[in-house]
Protein backbone atom coordinates (compact mmCIF):
# COMPACT_ATOMS: atom_id res chain seq x y z
CA MET A 1 47.52 44.57 12.18
CA THR A 2 46.76 45.05 15.75
CA LYS A 3 44.54 47.73 17.22
CA ASN A 4 47.11 49.32 18.91
CA ASP A 5 49.00 49.36 15.79
CA ILE A 6 45.83 51.02 13.75
CA LEU A 7 45.51 53.67 16.72
CA GLU A 8 48.98 54.72 16.48
CA GLN A 9 48.62 55.10 12.82
CA ILE A 10 45.75 57.22 13.47
CA CYS A 11 47.55 59.35 15.90
CA ASN A 12 50.13 60.00 13.29
CA ASN A 13 47.89 60.51 10.57
CA LYS A 14 48.23 64.11 9.33
CA LEU A 15 45.21 64.18 6.89
CA LEU A 16 43.28 63.56 10.04
CA MET A 17 44.91 66.27 12.00
CA GLU A 18 44.42 68.82 9.34
CA ALA A 19 40.76 67.76 9.29
CA ILE A 20 40.39 68.44 12.89
CA LYS A 21 42.06 71.83 12.78
CA ASN A 22 39.66 73.08 9.68
CA VAL A 23 36.55 71.75 11.13
CA VAL A 24 37.09 72.58 15.02
CA ALA A 25 37.50 76.34 16.25
CA PRO A 26 41.37 76.92 16.92
CA ASN A 27 40.89 77.25 20.95
CA GLU A 28 38.94 74.07 20.83
CA TRP A 29 41.15 71.67 18.78
CA GLN A 30 43.30 70.15 21.42
CA ASP A 31 40.46 69.26 23.37
CA PHE A 32 38.57 67.82 20.65
CA ARG A 33 41.80 65.74 19.44
CA GLY A 34 41.60 64.14 22.76
CA HIS A 35 38.03 63.20 22.82
CA PHE A 36 38.30 61.99 19.14
CA PHE A 37 40.94 59.49 20.05
CA LEU A 38 39.24 58.26 22.85
CA GLN A 39 36.29 57.75 20.70
CA VAL A 40 38.39 55.83 18.31
CA ALA A 41 40.01 53.81 20.91
CA GLU A 42 36.61 52.78 22.43
CA LEU A 43 35.49 51.11 19.30
CA PRO A 44 35.31 47.36 19.41
CA GLU A 45 38.52 45.73 18.23
CA LYS A 46 37.03 43.56 15.25
CA LYS A 47 35.29 46.81 14.11
CA LEU A 48 38.40 48.89 13.83
CA ILE A 49 40.37 46.08 12.15
CA GLY A 50 37.45 45.68 9.68
CA LEU A 51 37.56 49.39 8.78
CA TRP A 52 41.23 49.11 8.48
CA GLU A 53 41.29 46.11 6.30
CA ARG A 54 38.31 47.70 3.87
CA ARG A 55 40.04 50.93 3.89
CA GLU A 56 37.35 52.38 5.15
CA LEU A 57 38.88 53.89 8.57
CA ASP A 58 39.97 57.41 7.31
CA TRP A 59 36.40 58.10 6.07
CA TYR A 60 34.95 56.97 8.96
CA CYS A 61 37.49 59.02 11.38
CA LEU A 62 36.30 61.74 9.01
CA LYS A 63 32.52 61.14 9.68
CA ILE A 64 33.27 60.92 13.71
CA ILE A 65 35.13 64.43 13.21
CA THR A 66 32.06 66.29 11.72
CA ASN A 67 29.54 64.40 13.58
CA GLN A 68 31.06 64.94 17.11
CA TYR A 69 31.76 68.77 16.44
CA LYS A 70 28.67 69.79 14.30
CA SER A 71 26.04 67.93 16.14
CA LYS A 72 24.13 69.69 19.23
CA THR A 73 23.42 65.90 20.57
CA SER A 74 27.21 64.73 20.20
CA THR A 75 29.13 63.74 23.38
CA TYR A 76 31.80 66.48 22.68
CA HIS A 77 29.16 68.94 22.56
CA LYS A 78 27.67 67.82 25.79
CA MET A 79 30.94 67.58 27.51
CA PHE A 80 32.93 70.70 26.30
CA ARG A 81 30.87 73.07 24.68
CA ASN A 82 27.52 73.04 26.48
CA ALA A 83 29.53 73.33 29.78
């Protein structure tokens, strides 16, 4: 599986989209979704493929979602919520 294949599957993952909608405020979820995908796309290819092969990618993505939204020091908070 290539990095692009994995990213495509993440984009189409209903579990992750539901998690974003459940964690993020309704007026912020589309901005957050784009920021989340950018964060995942910037991961090194080797790390992304390793997470996929070990079946840890969904959990890793869920942790990114919660950390980015709830942390006051996250890049999402600095870019969108603190502006």
